[in-house]
Amino acid sequence: MRISHKRNIQRKLHKQKPLLTNTVSAAKNVQKVETAVVAEVVVASKPVVASKSAVTLTPKQQQVLDIIVKHTDGLNPKGIGLQAGQEDAKAASWATGALKKLTEEGLVERIQMAGNKVLYKAL
């Protein structure tokens, strides 16, 4: 298809609708819309009672959290993956995504050991 033909088709599709001919009825419609918007704003601005936010966890994150809770002395990512039944080669990488989310939510504490060793403990 030629580009000029495409442009003509797009121009036809995006034609503007004609303006309202009766200005009085147009003013009434605008006023109705404004009052509806104001009513929505008033409804939305009601004070919200702060409740303890429930963190929604995926099944994988919940499994990792359960494993960490069982081990009170802390556990490294590879140990968590092995406890979950993963292979030795990919155990650590399997657990790190869930551990990152759990630390952001404040459910798990990340403890940096010497070098690049890390332990995770439940709070």
N, C-alpha and C. Protein backbone atom coordinates (compact mmCIF):
# COMPACT_ATOMS: atom_id res chain seq x y z
N MET A 1 0.85 -1.17 0.00
CA MET A 1 0.00 0.00 0.00
C MET A 1 0.90 1.23 0.00
N ARG A 2 0.55 2.20 -0.83
CA ARG A 2 1.34 3.43 -0.88
C ARG A 2 1.15 4.25 0.39
N ILE A 3 2.19 4.97 0.75
CA ILE A 3 2.14 5.77 1.98
C ILE A 3 1.12 6.89 1.84
N SER A 4 1.04 7.52 0.68
CA SER A 4 0.07 8.61 0.51
C SER A 4 -1.35 8.08 0.65
N HIS A 5 -1.60 6.88 0.17
CA HIS A 5 -2.93 6.28 0.31
C HIS A 5 -3.24 6.03 1.79
N LYS A 6 -2.22 5.54 2.53
CA LYS A 6 -2.40 5.31 3.97
C LYS A 6 -2.76 6.60 4.69
N ARG A 7 -2.05 7.69 4.32
CA ARG A 7 -2.33 8.97 4.96
C ARG A 7 -3.75 9.42 4.69
N ASN A 8 -4.21 9.24 3.46
CA ASN A 8 -5.59 9.65 3.12
C ASN A 8 -6.60 8.83 3.91
N ILE A 9 -6.37 7.56 4.06
CA ILE A 9 -7.28 6.72 4.82
C ILE A 9 -7.30 7.15 6.29
N GLN A 10 -6.13 7.40 6.86
CA GLN A 10 -6.06 7.84 8.25
C GLN A 10 -6.76 9.18 8.44
N ARG A 11 -6.61 10.08 7.49
CA ARG A 11 -7.25 11.39 7.58
C ARG A 11 -8.76 11.23 7.59
N LYS A 12 -9.28 10.32 6.76
CA LYS A 12 -10.73 10.09 6.71
C LYS A 12 -11.24 9.48 8.02
N LEU A 13 -10.44 8.60 8.60
CA LEU A 13 -10.86 7.96 9.83
C LEU A 13 -10.87 8.92 11.02
N HIS A 14 -10.02 9.92 10.99
CA HIS A 14 -9.88 10.82 12.13
C HIS A 14 -10.56 12.17 11.93
N LYS A 15 -11.59 12.22 11.08
CA LYS A 15 -12.30 13.47 10.90
C LYS A 15 -12.99 13.86 12.19
N GLN A 16 -13.03 15.16 12.45
CA GLN A 16 -13.66 15.63 13.67
C GLN A 16 -15.18 15.65 13.52
N LYS A 17 -15.85 15.46 14.61
CA LYS A 17 -17.31 15.52 14.61
C LYS A 17 -17.73 16.99 14.52
N PRO A 18 -18.83 17.26 13.86
CA PRO A 18 -19.28 18.66 13.76
C PRO A 18 -19.66 19.21 15.14
N LEU A 19 -19.47 20.51 15.32
CA LEU A 19 -19.79 21.16 16.59
C LEU A 19 -21.30 21.22 16.78
N LEU A 20 -21.72 21.32 18.02
CA LEU A 20 -23.15 21.41 18.31
C LEU A 20 -23.70 22.72 17.78
N THR A 21 -24.83 22.66 17.14
CA THR A 21 -25.40 23.87 16.54
C THR A 21 -26.19 24.68 17.56
N ASN A 22 -26.79 24.04 18.50
CA ASN A 22 -27.59 24.74 19.49
C ASN A 22 -26.71 25.02 20.71
N THR A 23 -26.33 26.25 20.90
CA THR A 23 -25.41 26.60 21.98
C THR A 23 -26.05 26.47 23.35
N VAL A 24 -27.34 26.66 23.47
CA VAL A 24 -28.02 26.55 24.76
C VAL A 24 -27.99 25.10 25.24
N SER A 25 -28.28 24.16 24.34
CA SER A 25 -28.26 22.75 24.75
C SER A 25 -26.82 22.31 25.03
N ALA A 26 -25.85 22.90 24.32
CA ALA A 26 -24.45 22.57 24.56
C ALA A 26 -24.02 23.05 25.94
N ALA A 27 -24.46 24.23 26.34
CA ALA A 27 -24.12 24.75 27.66
C ALA A 27 -24.72 23.89 28.77
N LYS A 28 -25.96 23.40 28.54
CA LYS A 28 -26.59 22.54 29.54
C LYS A 28 -25.83 21.22 29.67
N ASN A 29 -25.39 20.66 28.54
CA ASN A 29 -24.63 19.41 28.58
C ASN A 29 -23.32 19.59 29.31
N VAL A 30 -22.64 20.71 29.08
CA VAL A 30 -21.37 20.98 29.75
C VAL A 30 -21.59 21.12 31.25
N GLN A 31 -22.68 21.81 31.64
CA GLN A 31 -22.97 22.00 33.06
C GLN A 31 -23.26 20.65 33.73
N LYS A 32 -23.98 19.75 33.05
CA LYS A 32 -24.26 18.43 33.61
C LYS A 32 -22.98 17.64 33.83
N VAL A 33 -22.09 17.73 32.88
CA VAL A 33 -20.82 17.01 32.98
C VAL A 33 -19.99 17.57 34.13
N GLU A 34 -19.96 18.90 34.27
CA GLU A 34 -19.19 19.51 35.35
C GLU A 34 -19.72 19.10 36.72
N THR A 35 -21.05 19.06 36.89
CA THR A 35 -21.59 18.66 38.18
C THR A 35 -21.31 17.20 38.47
N ALA A 36 -21.31 16.37 37.43
CA ALA A 36 -21.00 14.95 37.63
C ALA A 36 -19.55 14.78 38.07
N VAL A 37 -18.65 15.56 37.46
CA VAL A 37 -17.23 15.48 37.82
C VAL A 37 -17.02 15.96 39.25
N VAL A 38 -17.69 17.04 39.64
CA VAL A 38 -17.56 17.56 41.00
C VAL A 38 -18.09 16.54 42.00
N ALA A 39 -19.19 15.88 41.67
CA ALA A 39 -19.73 14.86 42.56
C ALA A 39 -18.76 13.70 42.73
N GLU A 40 -18.10 13.30 41.65
CA GLU A 40 -17.12 12.22 41.74
C GLU A 40 -15.93 12.62 42.60
N VAL A 41 -15.51 13.87 42.49
CA VAL A 41 -14.37 14.34 43.27
C VAL A 41 -14.73 14.34 44.75
N VAL A 42 -15.95 14.77 45.09
CA VAL A 42 -16.38 14.80 46.48
C VAL A 42 -16.44 13.38 47.04
N VAL A 43 -16.93 12.44 46.26
CA VAL A 43 -17.00 11.05 46.72
C VAL A 43 -15.60 10.49 46.90
N ALA A 44 -14.68 10.82 46.01
CA ALA A 44 -13.34 10.27 46.09
C ALA A 44 -12.52 10.87 47.23
N SER A 45 -12.90 12.07 47.71
CA SER A 45 -12.09 12.72 48.73
C SER A 45 -12.50 12.36 50.15
N LYS A 46 -13.35 11.36 50.33
CA LYS A 46 -13.71 10.93 51.68
C LYS A 46 -12.48 10.37 52.38
N PRO A 47 -12.34 10.60 53.69
CA PRO A 47 -11.18 10.07 54.39
C PRO A 47 -11.21 8.54 54.41
N VAL A 48 -10.08 7.97 54.14
CA VAL A 48 -9.96 6.52 54.11
C VAL A 48 -9.33 6.07 55.42
N VAL A 49 -9.94 5.10 56.06
CA VAL A 49 -9.42 4.57 57.30
C VAL A 49 -8.23 3.68 56.96
N ALA A 50 -7.09 3.99 57.55
CA ALA A 50 -5.88 3.22 57.26
C ALA A 50 -5.93 1.89 57.99
N SER A 51 -5.90 0.84 57.22
CA SER A 51 -5.86 -0.49 57.80
C SER A 51 -4.53 -1.13 57.42
N LYS A 52 -4.19 -2.16 58.11
CA LYS A 52 -2.94 -2.83 57.82
C LYS A 52 -3.04 -3.44 56.43
N SER A 53 -2.14 -3.01 55.55
CA SER A 53 -2.23 -3.47 54.17
C SER A 53 -1.80 -4.93 54.08
N ALA A 54 -2.62 -5.70 53.47
CA ALA A 54 -2.32 -7.11 53.29
C ALA A 54 -1.44 -7.26 52.06
N VAL A 55 -0.32 -7.89 52.23
CA VAL A 55 0.61 -8.09 51.13
C VAL A 55 0.18 -9.35 50.39
N THR A 56 -0.01 -9.22 49.10
CA THR A 56 -0.38 -10.38 48.31
C THR A 56 0.90 -11.00 47.76
N LEU A 57 1.08 -12.25 48.05
CA LEU A 57 2.28 -12.97 47.63
C LEU A 57 1.91 -14.05 46.63
N THR A 58 2.81 -14.28 45.70
CA THR A 58 2.62 -15.38 44.77
C THR A 58 2.90 -16.69 45.50
N PRO A 59 2.48 -17.81 44.95
CA PRO A 59 2.76 -19.08 45.62
C PRO A 59 4.26 -19.33 45.82
N LYS A 60 5.07 -18.91 44.87
CA LYS A 60 6.53 -19.08 45.00
C LYS A 60 7.06 -18.24 46.16
N GLN A 61 6.61 -16.97 46.25
CA GLN A 61 7.04 -16.10 47.34
C GLN A 61 6.58 -16.64 48.68
N GLN A 62 5.38 -17.18 48.73
CA GLN A 62 4.87 -17.75 49.97
C GLN A 62 5.69 -18.97 50.38
N GLN A 63 6.08 -19.78 49.40
CA GLN A 63 6.90 -20.97 49.68
C GLN A 63 8.26 -20.56 50.22
N VAL A 64 8.87 -19.54 49.62
CA VAL A 64 10.17 -19.05 50.09
C VAL A 64 10.05 -18.49 51.51
N LEU A 65 8.98 -17.74 51.77
CA LEU A 65 8.77 -17.17 53.10
C LEU A 65 8.60 -18.27 54.14
N ASP A 66 7.86 -19.33 53.81
CA ASP A 66 7.68 -20.44 54.74
C ASP A 66 9.00 -21.13 55.06
N ILE A 67 9.86 -21.29 54.06
CA ILE A 67 11.16 -21.92 54.27
C ILE A 67 12.03 -21.05 55.18
N ILE A 68 11.99 -19.74 54.98
CA ILE A 68 12.80 -18.84 55.80
C ILE A 68 12.30 -18.83 57.25
N VAL A 69 11.00 -18.88 57.44
CA VAL A 69 10.43 -18.87 58.79
C VAL A 69 10.84 -20.13 59.55
N LYS A 70 10.93 -21.26 58.86
CA LYS A 70 11.33 -22.51 59.51
C LYS A 70 12.76 -22.45 60.04
N HIS A 71 13.63 -21.74 59.33
CA HIS A 71 15.04 -21.64 59.72
C HIS A 71 15.28 -20.29 60.38
N THR A 72 15.25 -20.28 61.70
CA THR A 72 15.38 -19.04 62.45
C THR A 72 16.78 -18.47 62.42
N ASP A 73 17.79 -19.32 62.20
CA ASP A 73 19.17 -18.83 62.20
C ASP A 73 19.56 -18.19 60.87
N GLY A 74 18.73 -18.23 59.87
CA GLY A 74 19.03 -17.61 58.58
C GLY A 74 19.41 -18.66 57.55
N LEU A 75 19.25 -18.31 56.29
CA LEU A 75 19.50 -19.25 55.21
C LEU A 75 19.92 -18.47 53.98
N ASN A 76 20.85 -19.03 53.21
CA ASN A 76 21.28 -18.37 51.98
C ASN A 76 20.35 -18.75 50.83
N PRO A 77 20.40 -18.01 49.71
CA PRO A 77 19.48 -18.30 48.60
C PRO A 77 19.61 -19.71 48.03
N LYS A 78 20.81 -20.24 47.98
CA LYS A 78 20.99 -21.60 47.48
C LYS A 78 20.31 -22.61 48.40
N GLY A 79 20.45 -22.41 49.70
CA GLY A 79 19.80 -23.29 50.66
C GLY A 79 18.29 -23.24 50.56
N ILE A 80 17.76 -22.04 50.29
CA ILE A 80 16.31 -21.89 50.14
C ILE A 80 15.85 -22.65 48.91
N GLY A 81 16.58 -22.52 47.80
CA GLY A 81 16.22 -23.22 46.58
C GLY A 81 16.29 -24.73 46.73
N LEU A 82 17.31 -25.20 47.46
CA LEU A 82 17.44 -26.64 47.68
C LEU A 82 16.30 -27.16 48.56
N GLN A 83 15.91 -26.38 49.57
CA GLN A 83 14.79 -26.78 50.43
C GLN A 83 13.48 -26.86 49.64
N ALA A 84 13.38 -26.02 48.60
CA ALA A 84 12.17 -26.01 47.78
C ALA A 84 12.17 -27.13 46.74
N GLY A 85 13.28 -27.85 46.63
CA GLY A 85 13.33 -28.97 45.71
C GLY A 85 13.91 -28.64 44.35
N GLN A 86 14.63 -27.55 44.23
CA GLN A 86 15.24 -27.19 42.96
C GLN A 86 16.56 -27.92 42.77
N GLU A 87 17.05 -27.90 41.52
CA GLU A 87 18.34 -28.51 41.22
C GLU A 87 19.45 -27.69 41.85
N ASP A 88 20.59 -28.32 42.06
CA ASP A 88 21.73 -27.66 42.70
C ASP A 88 22.23 -26.47 41.88
N ALA A 89 22.22 -26.59 40.56
CA ALA A 89 22.78 -25.55 39.69
C ALA A 89 21.93 -24.29 39.65
N LYS A 90 20.62 -24.42 39.74
CA LYS A 90 19.76 -23.25 39.62
C LYS A 90 19.00 -22.90 40.89
N ALA A 91 19.38 -23.45 42.02
CA ALA A 91 18.66 -23.21 43.27
C ALA A 91 18.73 -21.76 43.71
N ALA A 92 19.90 -21.14 43.65
CA ALA A 92 20.06 -19.77 44.12
C ALA A 92 19.31 -18.79 43.23
N SER A 93 19.41 -18.96 41.92
CA SER A 93 18.74 -18.02 41.02
C SER A 93 17.22 -18.18 41.09
N TRP A 94 16.73 -19.36 41.42
CA TRP A 94 15.30 -19.57 41.56
C TRP A 94 14.74 -18.76 42.73
N ALA A 95 15.50 -18.67 43.80
CA ALA A 95 15.00 -18.02 45.01
C ALA A 95 15.19 -16.51 45.03
N THR A 96 16.12 -15.96 44.25
CA THR A 96 16.47 -14.54 44.40
C THR A 96 15.33 -13.61 44.01
N GLY A 97 14.53 -13.94 43.01
CA GLY A 97 13.43 -13.07 42.63
C GLY A 97 12.41 -12.92 43.75
N ALA A 98 12.06 -14.01 44.36
CA ALA A 98 11.10 -13.97 45.47
C ALA A 98 11.71 -13.27 46.68
N LEU A 99 12.99 -13.49 46.91
CA LEU A 99 13.65 -12.86 48.06
C LEU A 99 13.70 -11.34 47.91
N LYS A 100 13.88 -10.87 46.69
CA LYS A 100 13.93 -9.43 46.46
C LYS A 100 12.59 -8.80 46.81
N LYS A 101 11.50 -9.41 46.40
CA LYS A 101 10.16 -8.89 46.70
C LYS A 101 9.89 -8.95 48.20
N LEU A 102 10.29 -10.02 48.86
CA LEU A 102 10.05 -10.16 50.29
C LEU A 102 10.83 -9.12 51.10
N THR A 103 12.05 -8.79 50.67
CA THR A 103 12.82 -7.76 51.38
C THR A 103 12.22 -6.38 51.15
N GLU A 104 11.69 -6.12 49.95
CA GLU A 104 11.04 -4.84 49.69
C GLU A 104 9.80 -4.66 50.54
N GLU A 105 9.07 -5.72 50.76
CA GLU A 105 7.86 -5.66 51.57
C GLU A 105 8.16 -5.63 53.06
N GLY A 106 9.38 -5.91 53.45
CA GLY A 106 9.75 -5.88 54.86
C GLY A 106 9.43 -7.15 55.61
N LEU A 107 9.22 -8.25 54.92
CA LEU A 107 8.92 -9.51 55.57
C LEU A 107 10.18 -10.29 55.90
N VAL A 108 11.26 -10.00 55.19
CA VAL A 108 12.51 -10.74 55.34
C VAL A 108 13.65 -9.74 55.48
N GLU A 109 14.61 -10.07 56.32
CA GLU A 109 15.77 -9.21 56.52
C GLU A 109 16.97 -9.80 55.79
N ARG A 110 17.68 -8.96 55.04
CA ARG A 110 18.86 -9.39 54.30
C ARG A 110 20.09 -9.03 55.12
N ILE A 111 20.91 -10.03 55.45
CA ILE A 111 22.11 -9.82 56.26
C ILE A 111 23.32 -10.11 55.39
N GLN A 112 24.16 -9.09 55.19
CA GLN A 112 25.37 -9.23 54.37
C GLN A 112 26.49 -9.80 55.23
N MET A 113 27.02 -10.93 54.83
CA MET A 113 28.12 -11.56 55.54
C MET A 113 29.43 -11.14 54.87
N ALA A 114 30.52 -11.76 55.23
CA ALA A 114 31.82 -11.44 54.66
C ALA A 114 31.81 -11.76 53.16
N GLY A 115 32.37 -10.84 52.36
CA GLY A 115 32.44 -11.05 50.92
C GLY A 115 31.07 -10.93 50.28
N ASN A 116 30.75 -11.92 49.45
CA ASN A 116 29.48 -11.87 48.75
C ASN A 116 28.44 -12.82 49.33
N LYS A 117 28.65 -13.26 50.54
CA LYS A 117 27.71 -14.18 51.19
C LYS A 117 26.59 -13.41 51.85
N VAL A 118 25.37 -13.93 51.68
CA VAL A 118 24.17 -13.25 52.19
C VAL A 118 23.30 -14.28 52.90
N LEU A 119 22.72 -13.87 54.03
CA LEU A 119 21.75 -14.68 54.75
C LEU A 119 20.43 -13.92 54.81
N TYR A 120 19.34 -14.66 54.80
CA TYR A 120 18.02 -14.06 54.92
C TYR A 120 17.34 -14.62 56.15
N LYS A 121 16.77 -13.69 56.96
CA LYS A 121 16.04 -14.07 58.17
C LYS A 121 14.66 -13.45 58.14
N ALA A 122 13.70 -14.15 58.70
CA ALA A 122 12.34 -13.62 58.79
C ALA A 122 12.26 -12.61 59.92
N LEU A 123 11.48 -11.59 59.73
CA LEU A 123 11.31 -10.55 60.77
C LEU A 123 10.17 -10.90 61.69
